[in-house]
Amino acid sequence: MKWQNLPRWIRDTLSVVGTMAVLLIIYDAFFAKNVNWVLVPIQIVVALLAVGVWSYFSYRSQQKRKLAEEQKKAAAKQRVIDREKRKVEAAKTAAETREKNLARNQAHQQQRHHE
């Protein structure tokens, strides 16, 4: 399985815990006294679980937030489109009303003129 095929949260978890594991082993090997080497793999597994769970929920939360922002932008865009449509419809209605009023006024003036 290729590294790039893994989900991002798994890649981040493995890179962070891998770095932590190397630092833990270096610290235990060179600086710590009375190291219990049986605990090192357990510490690494616990770190993988803890960081993995945190990373998974963090990325899921980011995806939800991103989706909500995209939906918000799409809704705003749709509102602008709807507003433009209403403007066009209002302009058409106003033009039709003007035409009717003009025709009525002209007819009314012609009637007065013939009287």
PDB file of N, CA and C in Angstrom:
ATOM      1  N   MET A   1       0.846  -1.184   0.000  1.00  0.00           N
ATOM      2  CA  MET A   1       0.000   0.000   0.000  1.00  0.00           C
ATOM      3  C   MET A   1       0.890   1.246   0.000  1.00  0.00           C
ATOM      4  N   LYS A   2       0.575   2.154  -0.885  1.00  0.00           N
ATOM      5  CA  LYS A   2       1.393   3.355  -1.004  1.00  0.00           C
ATOM      6  C   LYS A   2       1.004   4.375   0.060  1.00  0.00           C
ATOM      7  N   TRP A   3       1.993   5.144   0.451  1.00  0.00           N
ATOM      8  CA  TRP A   3       1.829   6.171   1.480  1.00  0.00           C
ATOM      9  C   TRP A   3       0.753   7.177   1.080  1.00  0.00           C
ATOM     10  N   GLN A   4       0.741   7.598  -0.178  1.00  0.00           N
ATOM     11  CA  GLN A   4      -0.208   8.609  -0.645  1.00  0.00           C
ATOM     12  C   GLN A   4      -1.646   8.094  -0.692  1.00  0.00           C
ATOM     13  N   ASN A   5      -1.822   6.771  -0.719  1.00  0.00           N
ATOM     14  CA  ASN A   5      -3.173   6.205  -0.776  1.00  0.00           C
ATOM     15  C   ASN A   5      -3.855   6.193   0.587  1.00  0.00           C
ATOM     16  N   LEU A   6      -3.067   6.362   1.640  1.00  0.00           N
ATOM     17  CA  LEU A   6      -3.646   6.372   2.991  1.00  0.00           C
ATOM     18  C   LEU A   6      -4.384   7.678   3.231  1.00  0.00           C
ATOM     19  N   PRO A   7      -5.434   7.643   4.042  1.00  0.00           N
ATOM     20  CA  PRO A   7      -6.101   8.904   4.407  1.00  0.00           C
ATOM     21  C   PRO A   7      -5.116   9.835   5.127  1.00  0.00           C
ATOM     22  N   ARG A   8      -5.332  11.113   4.963  1.00  0.00           N
ATOM     23  CA  ARG A   8      -4.402  12.102   5.517  1.00  0.00           C
ATOM     24  C   ARG A   8      -4.256  11.973   7.033  1.00  0.00           C
ATOM     25  N   TRP A   9      -5.345  11.684   7.730  1.00  0.00           N
ATOM     26  CA  TRP A   9      -5.250  11.609   9.197  1.00  0.00           C
ATOM     27  C   TRP A   9      -4.362  10.443   9.623  1.00  0.00           C
ATOM     28  N   ILE A  10      -4.352   9.352   8.847  1.00  0.00           N
ATOM     29  CA  ILE A  10      -3.481   8.214   9.185  1.00  0.00           C
ATOM     30  C   ILE A  10      -2.023   8.584   8.908  1.00  0.00           C
ATOM     31  N   ARG A  11      -1.775   9.233   7.773  1.00  0.00           N
ATOM     32  CA  ARG A  11      -0.404   9.649   7.456  1.00  0.00           C
ATOM     33  C   ARG A  11       0.135  10.589   8.520  1.00  0.00           C
ATOM     34  N   ASP A  12      -0.689  11.565   8.922  1.00  0.00           N
ATOM     35  CA  ASP A  12      -0.243  12.503   9.958  1.00  0.00           C
ATOM     36  C   ASP A  12       0.007  11.785  11.277  1.00  0.00           C
ATOM     37  N   THR A  13      -0.885  10.861  11.630  1.00  0.00           N
ATOM     38  CA  THR A  13      -0.724  10.099  12.876  1.00  0.00           C
ATOM     39  C   THR A  13       0.580   9.307  12.855  1.00  0.00           C
ATOM     40  N   LEU A  14       0.828   8.599  11.760  1.00  0.00           N
ATOM     41  CA  LEU A  14       2.042   7.781  11.677  1.00  0.00           C
ATOM     42  C   LEU A  14       3.307   8.633  11.698  1.00  0.00           C
ATOM     43  N   SER A  15       3.280   9.770  11.036  1.00  0.00           N
ATOM     44  CA  SER A  15       4.482  10.610  11.028  1.00  0.00           C
ATOM     45  C   SER A  15       4.744  11.214  12.401  1.00  0.00           C
ATOM     46  N   VAL A  16       3.702  11.665  13.081  1.00  0.00           N
ATOM     47  CA  VAL A  16       3.879  12.256  14.413  1.00  0.00           C
ATOM     48  C   VAL A  16       4.330  11.193  15.422  1.00  0.00           C
ATOM     49  N   VAL A  17       3.636  10.065  15.426  1.00  0.00           N
ATOM     50  CA  VAL A  17       3.977   9.014  16.403  1.00  0.00           C
ATOM     51  C   VAL A  17       5.331   8.389  16.058  1.00  0.00           C
ATOM     52  N   GLY A  18       5.653   8.286  14.781  1.00  0.00           N
ATOM     53  CA  GLY A  18       6.976   7.773  14.404  1.00  0.00           C
ATOM     54  C   GLY A  18       8.088   8.660  14.934  1.00  0.00           C
ATOM     55  N   THR A  19       7.918   9.967  14.774  1.00  0.00           N
ATOM     56  CA  THR A  19       8.896  10.912  15.299  1.00  0.00           C
ATOM     57  C   THR A  19       8.972  10.826  16.822  1.00  0.00           C
ATOM     58  N   MET A  20       7.813  10.759  17.466  1.00  0.00           N
ATOM     59  CA  MET A  20       7.792  10.635  18.935  1.00  0.00           C
ATOM     60  C   MET A  20       8.475   9.345  19.382  1.00  0.00           C
ATOM     61  N   ALA A  21       8.263   8.253  18.655  1.00  0.00           N
ATOM     62  CA  ALA A  21       8.857   6.964  19.022  1.00  0.00           C
ATOM     63  C   ALA A  21      10.377   7.026  18.914  1.00  0.00           C
ATOM     64  N   VAL A  22      10.875   7.625  17.835  1.00  0.00           N
ATOM     65  CA  VAL A  22      12.330   7.760  17.675  1.00  0.00           C
ATOM     66  C   VAL A  22      12.907   8.594  18.807  1.00  0.00           C
ATOM     67  N   LEU A  23      12.257   9.714  19.123  1.00  0.00           N
ATOM     68  CA  LEU A  23      12.746  10.558  20.227  1.00  0.00           C
ATOM     69  C   LEU A  23      12.678   9.821  21.561  1.00  0.00           C
ATOM     70  N   LEU A  24      11.617   9.052  21.785  1.00  0.00           N
ATOM     71  CA  LEU A  24      11.487   8.279  23.020  1.00  0.00           C
ATOM     72  C   LEU A  24      12.613   7.254  23.145  1.00  0.00           C
ATOM     73  N   ILE A  25      12.901   6.553  22.057  1.00  0.00           N
ATOM     74  CA  ILE A  25      13.956   5.540  22.082  1.00  0.00           C
ATOM     75  C   ILE A  25      15.323   6.191  22.304  1.00  0.00           C
ATOM     76  N   ILE A  26      15.573   7.318  21.630  1.00  0.00           N
ATOM     77  CA  ILE A  26      16.850   8.028  21.833  1.00  0.00           C
ATOM     78  C   ILE A  26      16.976   8.476  23.285  1.00  0.00           C
ATOM     79  N   TYR A  27      15.902   9.058  23.829  1.00  0.00           N
ATOM     80  CA  TYR A  27      15.939   9.509  25.218  1.00  0.00           C
ATOM     81  C   TYR A  27      16.198   8.332  26.163  1.00  0.00           C
ATOM     82  N   ASP A  28      15.432   7.240  25.969  1.00  0.00           N
ATOM     83  CA  ASP A  28      15.595   6.077  26.842  1.00  0.00           C
ATOM     84  C   ASP A  28      16.987   5.471  26.718  1.00  0.00           C
ATOM     85  N   ALA A  29      17.536   5.449  25.507  1.00  0.00           N
ATOM     86  CA  ALA A  29      18.837   4.808  25.298  1.00  0.00           C
ATOM     87  C   ALA A  29      19.986   5.634  25.873  1.00  0.00           C
ATOM     88  N   PHE A  30      19.911   6.961  25.768  1.00  0.00           N
ATOM     89  CA  PHE A  30      21.065   7.784  26.140  1.00  0.00           C
ATOM     90  C   PHE A  30      20.911   8.577  27.437  1.00  0.00           C
ATOM     91  N   PHE A  31      19.711   8.907  27.844  1.00  0.00           N
ATOM     92  CA  PHE A  31      19.553   9.816  28.975  1.00  0.00           C
ATOM     93  C   PHE A  31      18.845   9.209  30.177  1.00  0.00           C
ATOM     94  N   ALA A  32      17.960   8.283  29.964  1.00  0.00           N
ATOM     95  CA  ALA A  32      17.165   7.730  31.065  1.00  0.00           C
ATOM     96  C   ALA A  32      17.967   6.661  31.824  1.00  0.00           C
ATOM     97  N   LYS A  33      17.681   6.573  33.100  1.00  0.00           N
ATOM     98  CA  LYS A  33      18.291   5.526  33.919  1.00  0.00           C
ATOM     99  C   LYS A  33      17.198   4.529  34.277  1.00  0.00           C
ATOM    100  N   ASN A  34      17.539   3.272  34.383  1.00  0.00           N
ATOM    101  CA  ASN A  34      16.594   2.212  34.725  1.00  0.00           C
ATOM    102  C   ASN A  34      15.397   2.176  33.774  1.00  0.00           C
ATOM    103  N   VAL A  35      15.682   2.034  32.501  1.00  0.00           N
ATOM    104  CA  VAL A  35      14.633   2.012  31.480  1.00  0.00           C
ATOM    105  C   VAL A  35      13.974   0.638  31.453  1.00  0.00           C
ATOM    106  N   ASN A  36      12.641   0.636  31.431  1.00  0.00           N
ATOM    107  CA  ASN A  36      11.888  -0.606  31.281  1.00  0.00           C
ATOM    108  C   ASN A  36      11.520  -0.716  29.794  1.00  0.00           C
ATOM    109  N   TRP A  37      12.316  -1.483  29.050  1.00  0.00           N
ATOM    110  CA  TRP A  37      12.160  -1.562  27.598  1.00  0.00           C
ATOM    111  C   TRP A  37      10.877  -2.276  27.186  1.00  0.00           C
ATOM    112  N   VAL A  38      10.252  -3.001  28.111  1.00  0.00           N
ATOM    113  CA  VAL A  38       8.979  -3.654  27.796  1.00  0.00           C
ATOM    114  C   VAL A  38       7.879  -2.614  27.597  1.00  0.00           C
ATOM    115  N   LEU A  39       8.003  -1.489  28.287  1.00  0.00           N
ATOM    116  CA  LEU A  39       6.973  -0.444  28.201  1.00  0.00           C
ATOM    117  C   LEU A  39       7.053   0.389  26.914  1.00  0.00           C
ATOM    118  N   VAL A  40       8.208   0.414  26.264  1.00  0.00           N
ATOM    119  CA  VAL A  40       8.381   1.267  25.082  1.00  0.00           C
ATOM    120  C   VAL A  40       7.385   0.909  23.966  1.00  0.00           C
ATOM    121  N   PRO A  41       7.251  -0.360  23.568  1.00  0.00           N
ATOM    122  CA  PRO A  41       6.256  -0.665  22.520  1.00  0.00           C
ATOM    123  C   PRO A  41       4.822  -0.350  22.964  1.00  0.00           C
ATOM    124  N   ILE A  42       4.536  -0.553  24.248  1.00  0.00           N
ATOM    125  CA  ILE A  42       3.203  -0.240  24.770  1.00  0.00           C
ATOM    126  C   ILE A  42       2.951   1.270  24.684  1.00  0.00           C
ATOM    127  N   GLN A  43       3.974   2.055  25.035  1.00  0.00           N
ATOM    128  CA  GLN A  43       3.840   3.511  24.950  1.00  0.00           C
ATOM    129  C   GLN A  43       3.604   3.954  23.501  1.00  0.00           C
ATOM    130  N   ILE A  44       4.291   3.303  22.575  1.00  0.00           N
ATOM    131  CA  ILE A  44       4.136   3.656  21.161  1.00  0.00           C
ATOM    132  C   ILE A  44       2.727   3.299  20.670  1.00  0.00           C
ATOM    133  N   VAL A  45       2.224   2.137  21.068  1.00  0.00           N
ATOM    134  CA  VAL A  45       0.870   1.725  20.663  1.00  0.00           C
ATOM    135  C   VAL A  45      -0.178   2.660  21.264  1.00  0.00           C
ATOM    136  N   VAL A  46       0.001   3.017  22.536  1.00  0.00           N
ATOM    137  CA  VAL A  46      -0.945   3.947  23.180  1.00  0.00           C
ATOM    138  C   VAL A  46      -0.897   5.305  22.480  1.00  0.00           C
ATOM    139  N   ALA A  47       0.305   5.754  22.131  1.00  0.00           N
ATOM    140  CA  ALA A  47       0.427   7.026  21.411  1.00  0.00           C
ATOM    141  C   ALA A  47      -0.254   6.935  20.046  1.00  0.00           C
ATOM    142  N   LEU A  48      -0.081   5.811  19.334  1.00  0.00           N
ATOM    143  CA  LEU A  48      -0.759   5.632  18.054  1.00  0.00           C
ATOM    144  C   LEU A  48      -2.276   5.724  18.207  1.00  0.00           C
ATOM    145  N   LEU A  49      -2.795   5.068  19.227  1.00  0.00           N
ATOM    146  CA  LEU A  49      -4.245   5.109  19.460  1.00  0.00           C
ATOM    147  C   LEU A  49      -4.716   6.519  19.808  1.00  0.00           C
ATOM    148  N   ALA A  50      -4.023   7.158  20.742  1.00  0.00           N
ATOM    149  CA  ALA A  50      -4.451   8.486  21.202  1.00  0.00           C
ATOM    150  C   ALA A  50      -4.374   9.514  20.076  1.00  0.00           C
ATOM    151  N   VAL A  51      -3.227   9.561  19.412  1.00  0.00           N
ATOM    152  CA  VAL A  51      -3.055  10.546  18.338  1.00  0.00           C
ATOM    153  C   VAL A  51      -3.963  10.194  17.155  1.00  0.00           C
ATOM    154  N   GLY A  52      -4.128   8.913  16.869  1.00  0.00           N
ATOM    155  CA  GLY A  52      -5.000   8.494  15.776  1.00  0.00           C
ATOM    156  C   GLY A  52      -6.444   8.900  15.991  1.00  0.00           C
ATOM    157  N   VAL A  53      -6.957   8.670  17.186  1.00  0.00           N
ATOM    158  CA  VAL A  53      -8.345   9.050  17.496  1.00  0.00           C
ATOM    159  C   VAL A  53      -8.512  10.563  17.404  1.00  0.00           C
ATOM    160  N   TRP A  54      -7.575  11.295  18.004  1.00  0.00           N
ATOM    161  CA  TRP A  54      -7.651  12.760  17.960  1.00  0.00           C
ATOM    162  C   TRP A  54      -7.590  13.254  16.510  1.00  0.00           C
ATOM    163  N   SER A  55      -6.667  12.705  15.735  1.00  0.00           N
ATOM    164  CA  SER A  55      -6.487  13.131  14.351  1.00  0.00           C
ATOM    165  C   SER A  55      -7.725  12.814  13.514  1.00  0.00           C
ATOM    166  N   TYR A  56      -8.285  11.631  13.700  1.00  0.00           N
ATOM    167  CA  TYR A  56      -9.480  11.238  12.951  1.00  0.00           C
ATOM    168  C   TYR A  56     -10.632  12.210  13.199  1.00  0.00           C
ATOM    169  N   PHE A  57     -10.916  12.478  14.467  1.00  0.00           N
ATOM    170  CA  PHE A  57     -12.035  13.367  14.783  1.00  0.00           C
ATOM    171  C   PHE A  57     -11.744  14.808  14.381  1.00  0.00           C
ATOM    172  N   SER A  58     -10.493  15.206  14.450  1.00  0.00           N
ATOM    173  CA  SER A  58     -10.117  16.551  14.025  1.00  0.00           C
ATOM    174  C   SER A  58     -10.341  16.727  12.523  1.00  0.00           C
ATOM    175  N   TYR A  59      -9.881  15.775  11.724  1.00  0.00           N
ATOM    176  CA  TYR A  59     -10.066  15.869  10.281  1.00  0.00           C
ATOM    177  C   TYR A  59     -11.535  15.762   9.894  1.00  0.00           C
ATOM    178  N   ARG A  60     -12.278  14.918  10.579  1.00  0.00           N
ATOM    179  CA  ARG A  60     -13.711  14.797  10.297  1.00  0.00           C
ATOM    180  C   ARG A  60     -14.421  16.116  10.589  1.00  0.00           C
ATOM    181  N   SER A  61     -14.036  16.743  11.691  1.00  0.00           N
ATOM    182  CA  SER A  61     -14.614  18.036  12.054  1.00  0.00           C
ATOM    183  C   SER A  61     -14.274  19.096  11.000  1.00  0.00           C
ATOM    184  N   GLN A  62     -13.037  19.086  10.523  1.00  0.00           N
ATOM    185  CA  GLN A  62     -12.637  20.041   9.490  1.00  0.00           C
ATOM    186  C   GLN A  62     -13.432  19.826   8.204  1.00  0.00           C
ATOM    187  N   GLN A  63     -13.656  18.571   7.835  1.00  0.00           N
ATOM    188  CA  GLN A  63     -14.426  18.284   6.629  1.00  0.00           C
ATOM    189  C   GLN A  63     -15.862  18.763   6.766  1.00  0.00           C
ATOM    190  N   LYS A  64     -16.453  18.561   7.950  1.00  0.00           N
ATOM    191  CA  LYS A  64     -17.822  19.029   8.167  1.00  0.00           C
ATOM    192  C   LYS A  64     -17.887  20.551   8.073  1.00  0.00           C
ATOM    193  N   ARG A  65     -16.899  21.221   8.657  1.00  0.00           N
ATOM    194  CA  ARG A  65     -16.866  22.679   8.623  1.00  0.00           C
ATOM    195  C   ARG A  65     -16.699  23.173   7.190  1.00  0.00           C
ATOM    196  N   LYS A  66     -15.830  22.513   6.429  1.00  0.00           N
ATOM    197  CA  LYS A  66     -15.599  22.900   5.042  1.00  0.00           C
ATOM    198  C   LYS A  66     -16.866  22.697   4.216  1.00  0.00           C
ATOM    199  N   LEU A  67     -17.563  21.579   4.438  1.00  0.00           N
ATOM    200  CA  LEU A  67     -18.805  21.307   3.724  1.00  0.00           C
ATOM    201  C   LEU A  67     -19.862  22.357   4.067  1.00  0.00           C
ATOM    202  N   ALA A  68     -19.947  22.721   5.347  1.00  0.00           N
ATOM    203  CA  ALA A  68     -20.917  23.741   5.760  1.00  0.00           C
ATOM    204  C   ALA A  68     -20.600  25.083   5.101  1.00  0.00           C
ATOM    205  N   GLU A  69     -19.307  25.432   5.007  1.00  0.00           N
ATOM    206  CA  GLU A  69     -18.928  26.687   4.355  1.00  0.00           C
ATOM    207  C   GLU A  69     -19.277  26.665   2.868  1.00  0.00           C
ATOM    208  N   GLU A  70     -19.036  25.519   2.213  1.00  0.00           N
ATOM    209  CA  GLU A  70     -19.374  25.407   0.792  1.00  0.00           C
ATOM    210  C   GLU A  70     -20.883  25.532   0.589  1.00  0.00           C
ATOM    211  N   GLN A  71     -21.657  24.903   1.471  1.00  0.00           N
ATOM    212  CA  GLN A  71     -23.112  25.011   1.359  1.00  0.00           C
ATOM    213  C   GLN A  71     -23.566  26.442   1.589  1.00  0.00           C
ATOM    214  N   LYS A  72     -22.915  27.119   2.527  1.00  0.00           N
ATOM    215  CA  LYS A  72     -23.252  28.512   2.810  1.00  0.00           C
ATOM    216  C   LYS A  72     -22.955  29.393   1.599  1.00  0.00           C
ATOM    217  N   LYS A  73     -21.810  29.159   0.957  1.00  0.00           N
ATOM    218  CA  LYS A  73     -21.459  29.929  -0.235  1.00  0.00           C
ATOM    219  C   LYS A  73     -22.439  29.640  -1.371  1.00  0.00           C
ATOM    220  N   ALA A  74     -22.799  28.370  -1.538  1.00  0.00           N
ATOM    221  CA  ALA A  74     -23.746  28.008  -2.593  1.00  0.00           C
ATOM    222  C   ALA A  74     -25.106  28.654  -2.341  1.00  0.00           C
ATOM    223  N   ALA A  75     -25.533  28.683  -1.082  1.00  0.00           N
ATOM    224  CA  ALA A  75     -26.817  29.309  -0.747  1.00  0.00           C
ATOM    225  C   ALA A  75     -26.762  30.812  -1.024  1.00  0.00           C
ATOM    226  N   ALA A  76     -25.648  31.454  -0.681  1.00  0.00           N
ATOM    227  CA  ALA A  76     -25.506  32.890  -0.941  1.00  0.00           C
ATOM    228  C   ALA A  76     -25.531  33.161  -2.443  1.00  0.00           C
ATOM    229  N   LYS A  77     -24.853  32.317  -3.201  1.00  0.00           N
ATOM    230  CA  LYS A  77     -24.833  32.462  -4.658  1.00  0.00           C
ATOM    231  C   LYS A  77     -26.246  32.305  -5.221  1.00  0.00           C
ATOM    232  N   GLN A  78     -26.984  31.327  -4.702  1.00  0.00           N
ATOM    233  CA  GLN A  78     -28.355  31.100  -5.160  1.00  0.00           C
ATOM    234  C   GLN A  78     -29.247  32.286  -4.815  1.00  0.00           C
ATOM    235  N   ARG A  79     -29.030  32.875  -3.625  1.00  0.00           N
ATOM    236  CA  ARG A  79     -29.819  34.057  -3.249  1.00  0.00           C
ATOM    237  C   ARG A  79     -29.566  35.212  -4.214  1.00  0.00           C
ATOM    238  N   VAL A  80     -28.305  35.385  -4.624  1.00  0.00           N
ATOM    239  CA  VAL A  80     -27.984  36.451  -5.584  1.00  0.00           C
ATOM    240  C   VAL A  80     -28.674  36.184  -6.905  1.00  0.00           C
ATOM    241  N   ILE A  81     -28.643  34.936  -7.370  1.00  0.00           N
ATOM    242  CA  ILE A  81     -29.301  34.577  -8.628  1.00  0.00           C
ATOM    243  C   ILE A  81     -30.807  34.817  -8.526  1.00  0.00           C
ATOM    244  N   ASP A  82     -31.410  34.395  -7.406  1.00  0.00           N
ATOM    245  CA  ASP A  82     -32.848  34.607  -7.205  1.00  0.00           C
ATOM    246  C   ASP A  82     -33.192  36.093  -7.174  1.00  0.00           C
ATOM    247  N   ARG A  83     -32.342  36.879  -6.524  1.00  0.00           N
ATOM    248  CA  ARG A  83     -32.582  38.322  -6.445  1.00  0.00           C
ATOM    249  C   ARG A  83     -32.544  38.940  -7.837  1.00  0.00           C
ATOM    250  N   GLU A  84     -31.579  38.511  -8.655  1.00  0.00           N
ATOM    251  CA  GLU A  84     -31.481  39.027 -10.026  1.00  0.00           C
ATOM    252  C   GLU A  84     -32.725  38.632 -10.836  1.00  0.00           C
ATOM    253  N   LYS A  85     -33.171  37.391 -10.658  1.00  0.00           N
ATOM    254  CA  LYS A  85     -34.386  36.950 -11.368  1.00  0.00           C
ATOM    255  C   LYS A  85     -35.583  37.805 -10.950  1.00  0.00           C
ATOM    256  N   ARG A  86     -35.697  38.069  -9.645  1.00  0.00           N
ATOM    257  CA  ARG A  86     -36.818  38.893  -9.175  1.00  0.00           C
ATOM    258  C   ARG A  86     -36.722  40.308  -9.741  1.00  0.00           C
ATOM    259  N   LYS A  87     -35.493  40.840  -9.854  1.00  0.00           N
ATOM    260  CA  LYS A  87     -35.316  42.173 -10.434  1.00  0.00           C
ATOM    261  C   LYS A  87     -35.789  42.191 -11.876  1.00  0.00           C
ATOM    262  N   VAL A  88     -35.409  41.168 -12.646  1.00  0.00           N
ATOM    263  CA  VAL A  88     -35.806  41.085 -14.052  1.00  0.00           C
ATOM    264  C   VAL A  88     -37.320  40.980 -14.150  1.00  0.00           C
ATOM    265  N   GLU A  89     -37.911  40.123 -13.315  1.00  0.00           N
ATOM    266  CA  GLU A  89     -39.373  39.973 -13.329  1.00  0.00           C
ATOM    267  C   GLU A  89     -40.061  41.285 -12.941  1.00  0.00           C
ATOM    268  N   ALA A  90     -39.513  41.967 -11.949  1.00  0.00           N
ATOM    269  CA  ALA A  90     -40.105  43.243 -11.531  1.00  0.00           C
ATOM    270  C   ALA A  90     -39.999  44.274 -12.652  1.00  0.00           C
ATOM    271  N   ALA A  91     -38.863  44.289 -13.340  1.00  0.00           N
ATOM    272  CA  ALA A  91     -38.695  45.229 -14.451  1.00  0.00           C
ATOM    273  C   ALA A  91     -39.677  44.909 -15.572  1.00  0.00           C
ATOM    274  N   LYS A  92     -39.877  43.617 -15.865  1.00  0.00           N
ATOM    275  CA  LYS A  92     -40.855  43.218 -16.897  1.00  0.00           C
ATOM    276  C   LYS A  92     -42.251  43.659 -16.503  1.00  0.00           C
ATOM    277  N   THR A  93     -42.613  43.400 -15.248  1.00  0.00           N
ATOM    278  CA  THR A  93     -43.948  43.771 -14.763  1.00  0.00           C
ATOM    279  C   THR A  93     -44.134  45.284 -14.829  1.00  0.00           C
ATOM    280  N   ALA A  94     -43.082  46.030 -14.427  1.00  0.00           N
ATOM    281  CA  ALA A  94     -43.170  47.490 -14.463  1.00  0.00           C
ATOM    282  C   ALA A  94     -43.314  47.978 -15.900  1.00  0.00           C
ATOM    283  N   ALA A  95     -42.580  47.363 -16.823  1.00  0.00           N
ATOM    284  CA  ALA A  95     -42.676  47.764 -18.231  1.00  0.00           C
ATOM    285  C   ALA A  95     -44.073  47.467 -18.779  1.00  0.00           C
ATOM    286  N   GLU A  96     -44.610  46.298 -18.445  1.00  0.00           N
ATOM    287  CA  GLU A  96     -45.959  45.948 -18.901  1.00  0.00           C
ATOM    288  C   GLU A  96     -46.991  46.916 -18.338  1.00  0.00           C
ATOM    289  N   THR A  97     -46.833  47.255 -17.065  1.00  0.00           N
ATOM    290  CA  THR A  97     -47.766  48.195 -16.434  1.00  0.00           C
ATOM    291  C   THR A  97     -47.671  49.565 -17.104  1.00  0.00           C
ATOM    292  N   ARG A  98     -46.426  49.992 -17.372  1.00  0.00           N
ATOM    293  CA  ARG A  98     -46.245  51.275 -18.070  1.00  0.00           C
ATOM    294  C   ARG A  98     -46.923  51.259 -19.434  1.00  0.00           C
ATOM    295  N   GLU A  99     -46.740  50.147 -20.175  1.00  0.00           N
ATOM    296  CA  GLU A  99     -47.358  50.026 -21.503  1.00  0.00           C
ATOM    297  C   GLU A  99     -48.879  50.095 -21.393  1.00  0.00           C
ATOM    298  N   LYS A 100     -49.438  49.369 -20.430  1.00  0.00           N
ATOM    299  CA  LYS A 100     -50.899  49.379 -20.255  1.00  0.00           C
ATOM    300  C   LYS A 100     -51.383  50.780 -19.893  1.00  0.00           C
ATOM    301  N   ASN A 101     -50.673  51.422 -18.963  1.00  0.00           N
ATOM    302  CA  ASN A 101     -51.074  52.775 -18.556  1.00  0.00           C
ATOM    303  C   ASN A 101     -50.975  53.758 -19.717  1.00  0.00           C
ATOM    304  N   LEU A 102     -49.888  53.616 -20.484  1.00  0.00           N
ATOM    305  CA  LEU A 102     -49.704  54.507 -21.630  1.00  0.00           C
ATOM    306  C   LEU A 102     -50.818  54.291 -22.649  1.00  0.00           C
ATOM    307  N   ALA A 103     -51.120  53.034 -22.940  1.00  0.00           N
ATOM    308  CA  ALA A 103     -52.197  52.728 -23.898  1.00  0.00           C
ATOM    309  C   ALA A 103     -53.527  53.243 -23.369  1.00  0.00           C
ATOM    310  N   ARG A 104     -53.783  53.051 -22.075  1.00  0.00           N
ATOM    311  CA  ARG A 104     -55.041  53.525 -21.496  1.00  0.00           C
ATOM    312  C   ARG A 104     -55.118  55.043 -21.564  1.00  0.00           C
ATOM    313  N   ASN A 105     -54.016  55.704 -21.230  1.00  0.00           N
ATOM    314  CA  ASN A 105     -54.018  57.171 -21.266  1.00  0.00           C
ATOM    315  C   ASN A 105     -54.222  57.692 -22.687  1.00  0.00           C
ATOM    316  N   GLN A 106     -53.548  57.025 -23.648  1.00  0.00           N
ATOM    317  CA  GLN A 106     -53.733  57.449 -25.036  1.00  0.00           C
ATOM    318  C   GLN A 106     -55.170  57.235 -25.485  1.00  0.00           C
ATOM    319  N   ALA A 107     -55.754  56.104 -25.120  1.00  0.00           N
ATOM    320  CA  ALA A 107     -57.148  55.836 -25.477  1.00  0.00           C
ATOM    321  C   ALA A 107     -58.059  56.854 -24.809  1.00  0.00           C
ATOM    322  N   HIS A 108     -57.772  57.187 -23.580  1.00  0.00           N
ATOM    323  CA  HIS A 108     -58.585  58.159 -22.850  1.00  0.00           C
ATOM    324  C   HIS A 108     -58.472  59.544 -23.484  1.00  0.00           C
ATOM    325  N   GLN A 109     -57.252  59.901 -23.889  1.00  0.00           N
ATOM    326  CA  GLN A 109     -57.060  61.198 -24.532  1.00  0.00           C
ATOM    327  C   GLN A 109     -57.772  61.245 -25.881  1.00  0.00           C
ATOM    328  N   GLN A 110     -57.736  60.123 -26.624  1.00  0.00           N
ATOM    329  CA  GLN A 110     -58.415  60.091 -27.919  1.00  0.00           C
ATOM    330  C   GLN A 110     -59.918  60.211 -27.730  1.00  0.00           C
ATOM    331  N   GLN A 111     -60.445  59.618 -26.680  1.00  0.00           N
ATOM    332  CA  GLN A 111     -61.877  59.728 -26.425  1.00  0.00           C
ATOM    333  C   GLN A 111     -62.227  61.161 -26.099  1.00  0.00           C
ATOM    334  N   ARG A 112     -61.417  61.835 -25.308  1.00  0.00           N
ATOM    335  CA  ARG A 112     -61.704  63.225 -24.952  1.00  0.00           C
ATOM    336  C   ARG A 112     -61.579  64.113 -26.174  1.00  0.00           C
ATOM    337  N   HIS A 113     -60.613  63.771 -27.043  1.00  0.00           N
ATOM    338  CA  HIS A 113     -60.373  64.562 -28.232  1.00  0.00           C
ATOM    339  C   HIS A 113     -61.566  64.455 -29.210  1.00  0.00           C
ATOM    340  N   HIS A 114     -62.195  63.287 -29.299  1.00  0.00           N
ATOM    341  CA  HIS A 114     -63.326  63.076 -30.201  1.00  0.00           C
ATOM    342  C   HIS A 114     -64.615  63.635 -29.650  1.00  0.00           C
ATOM    343  N   GLU A 115     -64.673  63.944 -28.377  1.00  0.00           N
ATOM    344  CA  GLU A 115     -65.919  64.462 -27.792  1.00  0.00           C
ATOM    345  C   GLU A 115     -66.163  65.868 -28.114  1.00  0.00           C
TER     346      GLU A 115
END
